[in-house]
Every structure is written in structure tokens, then in C-alpha cells.
Amino acid sequence: MDMRQLEYALVVSKHLSLARAAEEINISPSILSHQISKLEVELGVCLFLKSKRLVRLTPAGKEFIINAKRIITNLKEVKCTGREYSPVVSGELRLGVMAVIGYYNLPNLLSSFQQSFIGMRINIVEEQCEKLLDMLLSDKIDAAFVQIYNPNPNLKYCKLVTDRMVVVTNKKHRFANRKSVCIKELQNERFILTPPSSGHFYDFNKACQEAGFSPILAKTCYVAKNIVSFVSEGLVISVLSSKVAEAEKADNDNIRIIELKPTIQRRTYLVVRNISDTPQTLKLFLDFTHQWLATQTALEQAKNALISSVLEK
């Protein structure tokens, strides 16, 4: 659920017509209907009763709209807090990103920043985490999105996303019907993993070493979809971040996702150099990132509150 979907629901409740609502927000009625349906699926309730011409709010929908109005007001206040710069600020921002950034909501951060500051040029470089940290330390980029944490007094880390590793297997694998698997049980398995220079490999290898073994590496691969394809054929197994695994499973019924015990957390950080003379463009981006994070937190809290209030009715 995002702010856009809340706003769409409010416009539909205002007009009680998909056609008139779509006209106001300048999208097609079919796209609007699809977005409303996605929202209803996520909430697990029906908000609107739709006919060819008219739309009516359900009792749950009426409760939803009351809460949505309050939430949107609060979210707009959060987004406006600390806005000290003009959207016409110009400059260049050099950002390094890891390959799996698209599986999280982080592209929304970049697009929101670009839309808010249209004069800013954003140059994006995609690399493995270790390479991005090296580029950052050598001043080849201004900031990096990475999933590796190596304490370094020359760097500052801002945590953005927390995820966890899961085991991914073929549906015929001996673990396929298990709810969870202990890391020590993976000792004799053959793996396809991201390259050793990635944060994902770093964290998994460290956990294996602590469990008393080194993972048997059959192959490395940069692309999550290709990793899943090899796993799907039963040649190897893998461990992936849960959000990556769940997204890939939606397109591949031949794989299974199993919880890994103990939990290996995957954290995504925004990393910058620890310097006193931070460029103004980077300060602007960091301020915007903190506001964006506050908005995402508010949206998640709003989603939980809406679900609770609707289901109680």
C-alpha cells in the first residue's frame, strides 16, 4: 500500500464513479480499477461495490476512508517537514547501487528525489558491494547502496531496509516440504550464490564459518533470476533475501522457499564518507532520504492501523 493508492481511494469515494474519478486524476478507469483492486487484496476486504456506472462504499470502505483521510494529512506533514531547499536546485549526484536494489522500494526513493528536485542530475553506477565501497572511499561516487557492513571510521552507514535470508530449492529437493532448515544441515549442499564481492555472499559465508563449515560453491551468478533458474532445474540450491526469493517465486512454481535457522539478517545501507565538508547536493539527498524513510515508516504504520480498524468492523 502506498500514498497514491490511498489518494485514488479518496477520489473514488468522492465521485462514486470510476470514470469521473479517473478523469480527475488523469488516468484510465481500468488502471484506477486495477489499483483499487490491488489495495483491496492487500487489505483483505472489499472497499467498494462496483457496477458499470456507479460505485458504492461498503461498511468497511466507509471506515477505511475515514482513516485514509487522516493518514494522508499526517503523511503530507511528514513529507513537508524539514523542506529547506528549492526544487530547482541544480547539481550532480553520483550514486552506486547493488544489483538487487530493484527488489526493494529504493528506486522509489531515487525517483521521488528526482521529481522533487528536477534540476539535479543523478548518475547511477551498478556494482558489487565491495567495489562500491572502494569507489566511495576513492571519491568516485558520493554515496552507495550496499548490503555489507564493515566498520570503518572513514564511512557513515544509514540503515534503510532489514530483510532475512531464506533457503531456495527445487520442489523435489529433500528440504522442499520443510518449514525451516538449520544452517548446519546445509553443509553438504551445492550452492549457486552471488559473487564473493557481494554483501550477500559475505554474510552467508560468515554464518557458515561460524557454524563450522564452508559452503560448497558450484557456481556464482550476478542475476537473481538466473540463480533461481538453476535452482529450479534441481542442479543446486541457494540462499536469497526473502524479498528477492518471493518476487522470483511469483514467476516460478518449481521452487520452494524455506526459512533458515538461525536467522541471518540482510540489511541495506546508504553509505557516505565520514567527512566534514559534505557537498551540498549530498546533504540535500541525505535530508530527503531521512524524510522518505519517515514517510515509509508512517505508511507501514498506517497500513497496519487500517487493516486492524477495518477487520474489527
C-alpha atoms as a PDB file:
ATOM      1  CA  MET A   1       0.000   0.000   0.000  1.00  0.00           C
ATOM      2  CA  ASP A   2       1.296   3.443  -0.868  1.00  0.00           C
ATOM      3  CA  MET A   3       0.106   7.016  -0.611  1.00  0.00           C
ATOM      4  CA  ARG A   4      -1.015   7.012  -4.236  1.00  0.00           C
ATOM      5  CA  GLN A   5      -3.454   4.164  -3.613  1.00  0.00           C
ATOM      6  CA  LEU A   6      -4.919   5.989  -0.617  1.00  0.00           C
ATOM      7  CA  GLU A   7      -5.415   9.093  -2.742  1.00  0.00           C
ATOM      8  CA  TYR A   8      -7.037   7.033  -5.501  1.00  0.00           C
ATOM      9  CA  ALA A   9      -9.490   5.544  -2.994  1.00  0.00           C
ATOM     10  CA  LEU A  10     -10.401   9.018  -1.727  1.00  0.00           C
ATOM     11  CA  VAL A  11     -11.101  10.292  -5.238  1.00  0.00           C
ATOM     12  CA  VAL A  12     -13.314   7.281  -5.992  1.00  0.00           C
ATOM     13  CA  SER A  13     -15.218   7.812  -2.720  1.00  0.00           C
ATOM     14  CA  LYS A  14     -15.670  11.463  -3.646  1.00  0.00           C
ATOM     15  CA  HIS A  15     -17.229  10.804  -7.070  1.00  0.00           C
ATOM     16  CA  LEU A  16     -18.635   7.281  -6.545  1.00  0.00           C
ATOM     17  CA  SER A  17     -17.777   6.773 -10.191  1.00  0.00           C
ATOM     18  CA  LEU A  18     -14.639   5.228 -11.632  1.00  0.00           C
ATOM     19  CA  ALA A  19     -14.972   7.229 -14.853  1.00  0.00           C
ATOM     20  CA  ARG A  20     -15.259  10.629 -13.122  1.00  0.00           C
ATOM     21  CA  ALA A  21     -12.559   9.745 -10.590  1.00  0.00           C
ATOM     22  CA  ALA A  22     -10.201   8.617 -13.349  1.00  0.00           C
ATOM     23  CA  GLU A  23     -10.851  11.829 -15.251  1.00  0.00           C
ATOM     24  CA  GLU A  24      -9.917  13.941 -12.216  1.00  0.00           C
ATOM     25  CA  ILE A  25      -6.585  12.217 -11.677  1.00  0.00           C
ATOM     26  CA  ASN A  26      -5.883  11.810 -15.401  1.00  0.00           C
ATOM     27  CA  ILE A  27      -5.567   8.021 -15.653  1.00  0.00           C
ATOM     28  CA  SER A  28      -7.713   5.414 -17.367  1.00  0.00           C
ATOM     29  CA  PRO A  29     -10.667   3.865 -15.485  1.00  0.00           C
ATOM     30  CA  SER A  30      -9.154   0.393 -15.998  1.00  0.00           C
ATOM     31  CA  ILE A  31      -5.873   1.382 -14.341  1.00  0.00           C
ATOM     32  CA  LEU A  32      -7.761   3.022 -11.485  1.00  0.00           C
ATOM     33  CA  SER A  33      -9.923  -0.068 -11.025  1.00  0.00           C
ATOM     34  CA  HIS A  34      -6.822  -2.267 -11.001  1.00  0.00           C
ATOM     35  CA  GLN A  35      -5.158  -0.117  -8.320  1.00  0.00           C
ATOM     36  CA  ILE A  36      -8.270  -0.224  -6.142  1.00  0.00           C
ATOM     37  CA  SER A  37      -8.458  -3.996  -6.550  1.00  0.00           C
ATOM     38  CA  LYS A  38      -4.789  -4.340  -5.533  1.00  0.00           C
ATOM     39  CA  LEU A  39      -5.491  -2.278  -2.429  1.00  0.00           C
ATOM     40  CA  GLU A  40      -8.482  -4.442  -1.528  1.00  0.00           C
ATOM     41  CA  VAL A  41      -6.437  -7.630  -1.967  1.00  0.00           C
ATOM     42  CA  GLU A  42      -3.672  -6.280   0.250  1.00  0.00           C
ATOM     43  CA  LEU A  43      -6.133  -5.224   2.966  1.00  0.00           C
ATOM     44  CA  GLY A  44      -8.142  -8.421   2.630  1.00  0.00           C
ATOM     45  CA  VAL A  45     -11.512  -6.638   2.476  1.00  0.00           C
ATOM     46  CA  CYS A  46     -13.892  -5.227  -0.136  1.00  0.00           C
ATOM     47  CA  LEU A  47     -13.961  -1.424  -0.006  1.00  0.00           C
ATOM     48  CA  PHE A  48     -16.196  -0.659  -2.992  1.00  0.00           C
ATOM     49  CA  LEU A  49     -19.137  -2.346  -4.692  1.00  0.00           C
ATOM     50  CA  LYS A  50     -18.701  -1.598  -8.406  1.00  0.00           C
ATOM     51  CA  SER A  51     -21.237  -1.639 -11.195  1.00  0.00           C
ATOM     52  CA  LYS A  52     -20.914  -0.402 -14.775  1.00  0.00           C
ATOM     53  CA  ARG A  53     -21.846   3.155 -13.832  1.00  0.00           C
ATOM     54  CA  LEU A  54     -21.861   3.555 -10.069  1.00  0.00           C
ATOM     55  CA  VAL A  55     -19.650   2.732  -7.121  1.00  0.00           C
ATOM     56  CA  ARG A  56     -20.805   2.319  -3.537  1.00  0.00           C
ATOM     57  CA  LEU A  57     -18.766   2.154  -0.357  1.00  0.00           C
ATOM     58  CA  THR A  58     -19.053  -0.965   1.763  1.00  0.00           C
ATOM     59  CA  PRO A  59     -19.193  -0.535   5.569  1.00  0.00           C
ATOM     60  CA  ALA A  60     -15.508  -1.468   5.655  1.00  0.00           C
ATOM     61  CA  GLY A  61     -14.888   1.054   2.888  1.00  0.00           C
ATOM     62  CA  LYS A  62     -16.507   3.861   4.883  1.00  0.00           C
ATOM     63  CA  GLU A  63     -14.260   3.080   7.845  1.00  0.00           C
ATOM     64  CA  PHE A  64     -11.271   2.925   5.517  1.00  0.00           C
ATOM     65  CA  ILE A  65     -11.959   6.357   4.004  1.00  0.00           C
ATOM     66  CA  ILE A  66     -12.211   7.986   7.451  1.00  0.00           C
ATOM     67  CA  ASN A  67      -8.807   6.595   8.388  1.00  0.00           C
ATOM     68  CA  ALA A  68      -7.278   7.253   4.966  1.00  0.00           C
ATOM     69  CA  LYS A  69      -8.115  10.986   5.142  1.00  0.00           C
ATOM     70  CA  ARG A  70      -6.378  11.280   8.499  1.00  0.00           C
ATOM     71  CA  ILE A  71      -3.368   9.271   7.352  1.00  0.00           C
ATOM     72  CA  ILE A  72      -2.841  11.278   4.167  1.00  0.00           C
ATOM     73  CA  THR A  73      -2.923  14.513   6.157  1.00  0.00           C
ATOM     74  CA  ASN A  74      -0.304  13.140   8.551  1.00  0.00           C
ATOM     75  CA  LEU A  75       1.881  11.811   5.740  1.00  0.00           C
ATOM     76  CA  LYS A  76       1.867  15.134   3.916  1.00  0.00           C
ATOM     77  CA  GLU A  77       3.004  16.816   7.106  1.00  0.00           C
ATOM     78  CA  VAL A  78       5.845  14.314   7.412  1.00  0.00           C
ATOM     79  CA  LYS A  79       6.921  14.856   3.805  1.00  0.00           C
ATOM     80  CA  CYS A  80       6.928  18.627   4.255  1.00  0.00           C
ATOM     81  CA  THR A  81       8.934  18.547   7.489  1.00  0.00           C
ATOM     82  CA  GLY A  82      12.416  19.963   7.005  1.00  0.00           C
ATOM     83  CA  ARG A  83      11.949  21.057   3.405  1.00  0.00           C
ATOM     84  CA  GLU A  84      14.573  23.812   3.265  1.00  0.00           C
ATOM     85  CA  TYR A  85      15.581  23.693  -0.353  1.00  0.00           C
ATOM     86  CA  SER A  86      14.079  24.804  -3.630  1.00  0.00           C
ATOM     87  CA  PRO A  87      13.110  22.038  -6.069  1.00  0.00           C
ATOM     88  CA  VAL A  88      15.058  23.910  -8.752  1.00  0.00           C
ATOM     89  CA  VAL A  89      18.399  23.226  -7.039  1.00  0.00           C
ATOM     90  CA  SER A  90      20.927  22.092  -9.645  1.00  0.00           C
ATOM     91  CA  GLY A  91      23.954  19.854  -9.341  1.00  0.00           C
ATOM     92  CA  GLU A  92      25.159  16.293  -9.791  1.00  0.00           C
ATOM     93  CA  LEU A  93      24.828  13.273  -7.528  1.00  0.00           C
ATOM     94  CA  ARG A  94      26.902  10.134  -8.142  1.00  0.00           C
ATOM     95  CA  LEU A  95      25.220   7.074  -6.656  1.00  0.00           C
ATOM     96  CA  GLY A  96      26.428   3.484  -6.527  1.00  0.00           C
ATOM     97  CA  VAL A  97      23.775   0.756  -6.338  1.00  0.00           C
ATOM     98  CA  MET A  98      23.833  -3.019  -5.867  1.00  0.00           C
ATOM     99  CA  ALA A  99      22.154  -5.301  -8.384  1.00  0.00           C
ATOM    100  CA  VAL A 100      19.169  -6.229  -6.187  1.00  0.00           C
ATOM    101  CA  ILE A 101      18.076  -2.659  -5.434  1.00  0.00           C
ATOM    102  CA  GLY A 102      15.009  -3.160  -7.642  1.00  0.00           C
ATOM    103  CA  TYR A 103      13.582  -5.835  -5.327  1.00  0.00           C
ATOM    104  CA  TYR A 104      13.185  -3.274  -2.579  1.00  0.00           C
ATOM    105  CA  ASN A 105      11.394   0.052  -2.625  1.00  0.00           C
ATOM    106  CA  LEU A 106      14.609   2.017  -3.064  1.00  0.00           C
ATOM    107  CA  PRO A 107      14.062   3.002  -6.725  1.00  0.00           C
ATOM    108  CA  ASN A 108      11.066   4.932  -5.353  1.00  0.00           C
ATOM    109  CA  LEU A 109      13.476   6.944  -3.196  1.00  0.00           C
ATOM    110  CA  LEU A 110      15.533   7.902  -6.250  1.00  0.00           C
ATOM    111  CA  SER A 111      12.526   8.721  -8.425  1.00  0.00           C
ATOM    112  CA  SER A 112      10.891  10.740  -5.638  1.00  0.00           C
ATOM    113  CA  PHE A 113      14.094  12.721  -5.159  1.00  0.00           C
ATOM    114  CA  GLN A 114      14.423  13.354  -8.896  1.00  0.00           C
ATOM    115  CA  GLN A 115      10.792  14.509  -9.144  1.00  0.00           C
ATOM    116  CA  SER A 116      11.226  16.823  -6.166  1.00  0.00           C
ATOM    117  CA  PHE A 117      14.493  18.322  -7.451  1.00  0.00           C
ATOM    118  CA  ILE A 118      14.206  18.360 -11.209  1.00  0.00           C
ATOM    119  CA  GLY A 119      17.432  20.332 -11.665  1.00  0.00           C
ATOM    120  CA  MET A 120      19.538  17.612 -10.091  1.00  0.00           C
ATOM    121  CA  ARG A 121      21.414  15.149 -12.304  1.00  0.00           C
ATOM    122  CA  ILE A 122      21.669  11.631 -10.880  1.00  0.00           C
ATOM    123  CA  ASN A 123      24.367   9.358 -12.270  1.00  0.00           C
ATOM    124  CA  ILE A 124      23.962   5.721 -11.227  1.00  0.00           C
ATOM    125  CA  VAL A 125      26.672   3.048 -11.232  1.00  0.00           C
ATOM    126  CA  GLU A 126      25.790  -0.609 -10.571  1.00  0.00           C
ATOM    127  CA  GLU A 127      28.466  -2.776  -8.963  1.00  0.00           C
ATOM    128  CA  GLN A 128      29.027  -5.383  -6.269  1.00  0.00           C
ATOM    129  CA  CYS A 129      29.108  -4.101  -2.701  1.00  0.00           C
ATOM    130  CA  GLU A 130      32.853  -4.325  -2.087  1.00  0.00           C
ATOM    131  CA  LYS A 131      33.584  -2.480  -5.329  1.00  0.00           C
ATOM    132  CA  LEU A 132      31.059   0.227  -4.417  1.00  0.00           C
ATOM    133  CA  LEU A 133      32.724   0.785  -1.033  1.00  0.00           C
ATOM    134  CA  ASP A 134      36.117   1.071  -2.745  1.00  0.00           C
ATOM    135  CA  MET A 135      34.673   3.589  -5.206  1.00  0.00           C
ATOM    136  CA  LEU A 136      33.175   5.542  -2.330  1.00  0.00           C
ATOM    137  CA  LEU A 137      36.450   5.706  -0.411  1.00  0.00           C
ATOM    138  CA  SER A 138      38.286   6.850  -3.544  1.00  0.00           C
ATOM    139  CA  ASP A 139      35.689   9.602  -4.154  1.00  0.00           C
ATOM    140  CA  LYS A 140      34.458   8.122  -7.436  1.00  0.00           C
ATOM    141  CA  ILE A 141      30.875   8.181  -6.131  1.00  0.00           C
ATOM    142  CA  ASP A 142      29.107  10.304  -3.498  1.00  0.00           C
ATOM    143  CA  ALA A 143      27.034   7.575  -1.830  1.00  0.00           C
ATOM    144  CA  ALA A 144      26.386   3.859  -2.151  1.00  0.00           C
ATOM    145  CA  PHE A 145      23.511   1.466  -1.500  1.00  0.00           C
ATOM    146  CA  VAL A 146      25.121  -1.717  -0.155  1.00  0.00           C
ATOM    147  CA  GLN A 147      24.324  -4.826   1.865  1.00  0.00           C
ATOM    148  CA  ILE A 148      27.670  -5.190   3.570  1.00  0.00           C
ATOM    149  CA  TYR A 149      28.748  -3.613   6.837  1.00  0.00           C
ATOM    150  CA  ASN A 150      32.462  -3.294   7.537  1.00  0.00           C
ATOM    151  CA  PRO A 151      33.032  -0.832  10.393  1.00  0.00           C
ATOM    152  CA  ASN A 152      35.259   1.882   9.020  1.00  0.00           C
ATOM    153  CA  PRO A 153      35.897   5.282  10.669  1.00  0.00           C
ATOM    154  CA  ASN A 154      36.013   6.796   7.182  1.00  0.00           C
ATOM    155  CA  LEU A 155      32.420   5.791   6.422  1.00  0.00           C
ATOM    156  CA  LYS A 156      28.954   6.509   7.812  1.00  0.00           C
ATOM    157  CA  TYR A 157      26.131   3.983   7.494  1.00  0.00           C
ATOM    158  CA  CYS A 158      22.391   4.717   7.428  1.00  0.00           C
ATOM    159  CA  LYS A 159      20.194   1.595   7.657  1.00  0.00           C
ATOM    160  CA  LEU A 160      17.374   1.621   5.101  1.00  0.00           C
ATOM    161  CA  VAL A 161      15.881  -1.881   4.870  1.00  0.00           C
ATOM    162  CA  THR A 162      16.048  -5.016   7.012  1.00  0.00           C
ATOM    163  CA  ASP A 163      15.383  -8.420   5.436  1.00  0.00           C
ATOM    164  CA  ARG A 164      16.424 -12.038   6.122  1.00  0.00           C
ATOM    165  CA  MET A 165      17.978 -14.885   4.183  1.00  0.00           C
ATOM    166  CA  VAL A 166      15.895 -17.874   3.101  1.00  0.00           C
ATOM    167  CA  VAL A 167      16.826 -21.182   1.506  1.00  0.00           C
ATOM    168  CA  VAL A 168      15.602 -21.677  -2.068  1.00  0.00           C
ATOM    169  CA  THR A 169      15.320 -25.190  -3.525  1.00  0.00           C
ATOM    170  CA  ASN A 170      13.690 -27.161  -6.312  1.00  0.00           C
ATOM    171  CA  LYS A 171      10.253 -28.531  -5.340  1.00  0.00           C
ATOM    172  CA  LYS A 172      11.669 -32.100  -5.342  1.00  0.00           C
ATOM    173  CA  HIS A 173      14.557 -31.340  -3.004  1.00  0.00           C
ATOM    174  CA  ARG A 174      14.641 -33.123   0.369  1.00  0.00           C
ATOM    175  CA  PHE A 175      14.111 -29.752   2.117  1.00  0.00           C
ATOM    176  CA  ALA A 176      11.215 -28.703  -0.124  1.00  0.00           C
ATOM    177  CA  ASN A 177       8.427 -29.598   2.309  1.00  0.00           C
ATOM    178  CA  ARG A 178      10.191 -28.293   5.377  1.00  0.00           C
ATOM    179  CA  LYS A 179       9.130 -25.066   7.082  1.00  0.00           C
ATOM    180  CA  SER A 180      12.681 -24.350   8.202  1.00  0.00           C
ATOM    181  CA  VAL A 181      16.183 -25.735   7.961  1.00  0.00           C
ATOM    182  CA  CYS A 182      19.167 -25.311  10.289  1.00  0.00           C
ATOM    183  CA  ILE A 183      22.263 -23.837   8.670  1.00  0.00           C
ATOM    184  CA  LYS A 184      24.352 -26.839   9.779  1.00  0.00           C
ATOM    185  CA  GLU A 185      22.128 -29.060   7.595  1.00  0.00           C
ATOM    186  CA  LEU A 186      23.424 -27.187   4.534  1.00  0.00           C
ATOM    187  CA  GLN A 187      26.996 -28.396   4.989  1.00  0.00           C
ATOM    188  CA  ASN A 188      26.960 -30.939   2.130  1.00  0.00           C
ATOM    189  CA  GLU A 189      24.731 -28.990  -0.275  1.00  0.00           C
ATOM    190  CA  ARG A 190      25.999 -27.485  -3.548  1.00  0.00           C
ATOM    191  CA  PHE A 191      25.201 -23.787  -3.880  1.00  0.00           C
ATOM    192  CA  ILE A 192      24.801 -21.151  -6.516  1.00  0.00           C
ATOM    193  CA  LEU A 193      25.467 -17.804  -4.850  1.00  0.00           C
ATOM    194  CA  THR A 194      26.190 -14.218  -5.701  1.00  0.00           C
ATOM    195  CA  PRO A 195      29.927 -13.440  -6.194  1.00  0.00           C
ATOM    196  CA  PRO A 196      32.274 -13.263  -3.167  1.00  0.00           C
ATOM    197  CA  SER A 197      32.462  -9.487  -3.617  1.00  0.00           C
ATOM    198  CA  SER A 198      28.748  -9.166  -2.773  1.00  0.00           C
ATOM    199  CA  GLY A 199      27.369  -8.404   0.664  1.00  0.00           C
ATOM    200  CA  HIS A 200      25.048 -11.391   0.385  1.00  0.00           C
ATOM    201  CA  PHE A 201      27.937 -13.850  -0.061  1.00  0.00           C
ATOM    202  CA  TYR A 202      29.876 -12.135   2.732  1.00  0.00           C
ATOM    203  CA  ASP A 203      27.064 -12.585   5.266  1.00  0.00           C
ATOM    204  CA  PHE A 204      26.198 -16.163   4.293  1.00  0.00           C
ATOM    205  CA  ASN A 205      29.822 -17.324   4.216  1.00  0.00           C
ATOM    206  CA  LYS A 206      30.427 -15.731   7.615  1.00  0.00           C
ATOM    207  CA  ALA A 207      27.395 -17.551   9.080  1.00  0.00           C
ATOM    208  CA  CYS A 208      28.598 -20.857   7.602  1.00  0.00           C
ATOM    209  CA  GLN A 209      32.076 -20.365   9.019  1.00  0.00           C
ATOM    210  CA  GLU A 210      30.563 -19.725  12.447  1.00  0.00           C
ATOM    211  CA  ALA A 211      28.584 -22.973  12.042  1.00  0.00           C
ATOM    212  CA  GLY A 212      31.831 -24.857  11.378  1.00  0.00           C
ATOM    213  CA  PHE A 213      31.926 -25.285   7.598  1.00  0.00           C
ATOM    214  CA  SER A 214      32.467 -23.515   4.275  1.00  0.00           C
ATOM    215  CA  PRO A 215      29.644 -23.593   1.703  1.00  0.00           C
ATOM    216  CA  ILE A 216      30.284 -25.779  -1.344  1.00  0.00           C
ATOM    217  CA  LEU A 217      30.192 -23.279  -4.194  1.00  0.00           C
ATOM    218  CA  ALA A 218      29.167 -24.839  -7.506  1.00  0.00           C
ATOM    219  CA  LYS A 219      28.637 -21.564  -9.347  1.00  0.00           C
ATOM    220  CA  THR A 220      28.376 -17.804  -8.841  1.00  0.00           C
ATOM    221  CA  CYS A 221      25.939 -15.538 -10.626  1.00  0.00           C
ATOM    222  CA  TYR A 222      25.100 -11.834 -10.515  1.00  0.00           C
ATOM    223  CA  VAL A 223      21.460 -12.106 -11.602  1.00  0.00           C
ATOM    224  CA  ALA A 224      18.821 -13.381  -9.148  1.00  0.00           C
ATOM    225  CA  LYS A 225      16.523 -14.638 -11.917  1.00  0.00           C
ATOM    226  CA  ASN A 226      19.323 -16.788 -13.329  1.00  0.00           C
ATOM    227  CA  ILE A 227      20.138 -18.129  -9.860  1.00  0.00           C
ATOM    228  CA  VAL A 228      16.520 -19.182  -9.458  1.00  0.00           C
ATOM    229  CA  SER A 229      16.528 -20.818 -12.891  1.00  0.00           C
ATOM    230  CA  PHE A 230      19.473 -23.056 -11.944  1.00  0.00           C
ATOM    231  CA  VAL A 231      17.780 -23.912  -8.632  1.00  0.00           C
ATOM    232  CA  SER A 232      14.515 -24.664 -10.435  1.00  0.00           C
ATOM    233  CA  GLU A 233      16.261 -27.332 -12.520  1.00  0.00           C
ATOM    234  CA  GLY A 234      17.428 -29.078  -9.356  1.00  0.00           C
ATOM    235  CA  LEU A 235      21.134 -28.638 -10.102  1.00  0.00           C
ATOM    236  CA  VAL A 236      21.915 -26.645  -6.948  1.00  0.00           C
ATOM    237  CA  ILE A 237      20.246 -24.791  -4.088  1.00  0.00           C
ATOM    238  CA  SER A 238      20.703 -21.190  -2.991  1.00  0.00           C
ATOM    239  CA  VAL A 239      20.070 -18.680  -0.258  1.00  0.00           C
ATOM    240  CA  LEU A 240      18.485 -15.364  -1.193  1.00  0.00           C
ATOM    241  CA  SER A 241      16.993 -12.396   0.599  1.00  0.00           C
ATOM    242  CA  SER A 242      13.337 -13.158   1.300  1.00  0.00           C
ATOM    243  CA  LYS A 243      12.022 -10.252  -0.778  1.00  0.00           C
ATOM    244  CA  VAL A 244      14.099 -11.385  -3.761  1.00  0.00           C
ATOM    245  CA  ALA A 245      13.011 -15.008  -3.357  1.00  0.00           C
ATOM    246  CA  GLU A 246       9.322 -14.138  -3.009  1.00  0.00           C
ATOM    247  CA  ALA A 247       9.411 -11.895  -6.072  1.00  0.00           C
ATOM    248  CA  GLU A 248      11.069 -14.618  -8.171  1.00  0.00           C
ATOM    249  CA  LYS A 249       8.762 -17.351  -6.892  1.00  0.00           C
ATOM    250  CA  ALA A 250       5.793 -15.439  -8.299  1.00  0.00           C
ATOM    251  CA  ASP A 251       7.091 -16.364 -11.766  1.00  0.00           C
ATOM    252  CA  ASN A 252       8.379 -19.848 -10.965  1.00  0.00           C
ATOM    253  CA  ASP A 253       6.188 -22.537  -9.397  1.00  0.00           C
ATOM    254  CA  ASN A 254       9.054 -25.026  -9.437  1.00  0.00           C
ATOM    255  CA  ILE A 255      10.903 -23.559  -6.441  1.00  0.00           C
ATOM    256  CA  ARG A 256      10.305 -23.639  -2.716  1.00  0.00           C
ATOM    257  CA  ILE A 257      11.258 -21.103  -0.038  1.00  0.00           C
ATOM    258  CA  ILE A 258      12.318 -22.431   3.368  1.00  0.00           C
ATOM    259  CA  GLU A 259      13.118 -20.417   6.491  1.00  0.00           C
ATOM    260  CA  LEU A 260      16.751 -20.531   7.598  1.00  0.00           C
ATOM    261  CA  LYS A 261      17.643 -21.018  11.269  1.00  0.00           C
ATOM    262  CA  PRO A 262      19.213 -19.172  12.970  1.00  0.00           C
ATOM    263  CA  THR A 263      18.068 -16.054  11.133  1.00  0.00           C
ATOM    264  CA  ILE A 264      20.678 -14.304   9.013  1.00  0.00           C
ATOM    265  CA  GLN A 265      19.551 -10.725   8.634  1.00  0.00           C
ATOM    266  CA  ARG A 266      20.139  -8.779   5.433  1.00  0.00           C
ATOM    267  CA  ARG A 267      20.440  -5.056   5.951  1.00  0.00           C
ATOM    268  CA  THR A 268      20.617  -2.473   3.211  1.00  0.00           C
ATOM    269  CA  TYR A 269      22.546   0.691   3.987  1.00  0.00           C
ATOM    270  CA  LEU A 270      23.088   4.072   2.426  1.00  0.00           C
ATOM    271  CA  VAL A 271      26.796   4.731   2.941  1.00  0.00           C
ATOM    272  CA  VAL A 272      28.697   8.016   2.626  1.00  0.00           C
ATOM    273  CA  ARG A 273      32.182   9.190   3.522  1.00  0.00           C
ATOM    274  CA  ASN A 274      32.680  10.476   7.049  1.00  0.00           C
ATOM    275  CA  ILE A 275      33.890  13.953   6.116  1.00  0.00           C
ATOM    276  CA  SER A 276      33.212  17.428   7.457  1.00  0.00           C
ATOM    277  CA  ASP A 277      32.811  19.185   4.101  1.00  0.00           C
ATOM    278  CA  THR A 278      29.890  17.159   2.709  1.00  0.00           C
ATOM    279  CA  PRO A 279      28.826  18.533  -0.709  1.00  0.00           C
ATOM    280  CA  GLN A 280      25.576  20.467  -0.659  1.00  0.00           C
ATOM    281  CA  THR A 281      23.970  18.129  -3.197  1.00  0.00           C
ATOM    282  CA  LEU A 282      24.719  15.136  -0.975  1.00  0.00           C
ATOM    283  CA  LYS A 283      23.396  16.941   2.113  1.00  0.00           C
ATOM    284  CA  LEU A 284      20.203  17.551   0.196  1.00  0.00           C
ATOM    285  CA  PHE A 285      19.918  13.882  -0.738  1.00  0.00           C
ATOM    286  CA  LEU A 286      20.609  12.713   2.827  1.00  0.00           C
ATOM    287  CA  ASP A 287      17.959  15.074   4.232  1.00  0.00           C
ATOM    288  CA  PHE A 288      15.484  13.851   1.628  1.00  0.00           C
ATOM    289  CA  THR A 289      16.332  10.218   2.436  1.00  0.00           C
ATOM    290  CA  HIS A 290      15.569  10.744   6.127  1.00  0.00           C
ATOM    291  CA  GLN A 291      12.216  12.313   5.197  1.00  0.00           C
ATOM    292  CA  TRP A 292      11.499   9.446   2.792  1.00  0.00           C
ATOM    293  CA  LEU A 293      12.279   6.885   5.490  1.00  0.00           C
ATOM    294  CA  ALA A 294       9.932   8.674   7.891  1.00  0.00           C
ATOM    295  CA  THR A 295       7.220   8.580   5.238  1.00  0.00           C
ATOM    296  CA  GLN A 296       7.765   4.851   4.578  1.00  0.00           C
ATOM    297  CA  THR A 297       7.561   4.144   8.309  1.00  0.00           C
ATOM    298  CA  ALA A 298       4.369   6.180   8.556  1.00  0.00           C
ATOM    299  CA  LEU A 299       2.895   4.318   5.576  1.00  0.00           C
ATOM    300  CA  GLU A 300       3.673   0.930   7.123  1.00  0.00           C
ATOM    301  CA  GLN A 301       2.131   2.013  10.415  1.00  0.00           C
ATOM    302  CA  ALA A 302      -0.855   3.392   8.529  1.00  0.00           C
ATOM    303  CA  LYS A 303      -1.293   0.132   6.636  1.00  0.00           C
ATOM    304  CA  ASN A 304      -1.279  -1.879   9.863  1.00  0.00           C
ATOM    305  CA  ALA A 305      -3.692   0.537  11.524  1.00  0.00           C
ATOM    306  CA  LEU A 306      -6.061   0.452   8.552  1.00  0.00           C
ATOM    307  CA  ILE A 307      -6.064  -3.333   8.407  1.00  0.00           C
ATOM    308  CA  SER A 308      -6.755  -3.537  12.149  1.00  0.00           C
ATOM    309  CA  SER A 309      -9.547  -0.960  12.067  1.00  0.00           C
ATOM    310  CA  VAL A 310     -11.246  -2.489   9.006  1.00  0.00           C
ATOM    311  CA  LEU A 311     -11.071  -6.059  10.294  1.00  0.00           C
ATOM    312  CA  GLU A 312     -12.501  -5.047  13.648  1.00  0.00           C
ATOM    313  CA  LYS A 313     -15.668  -3.813  11.998  1.00  0.00           C
END
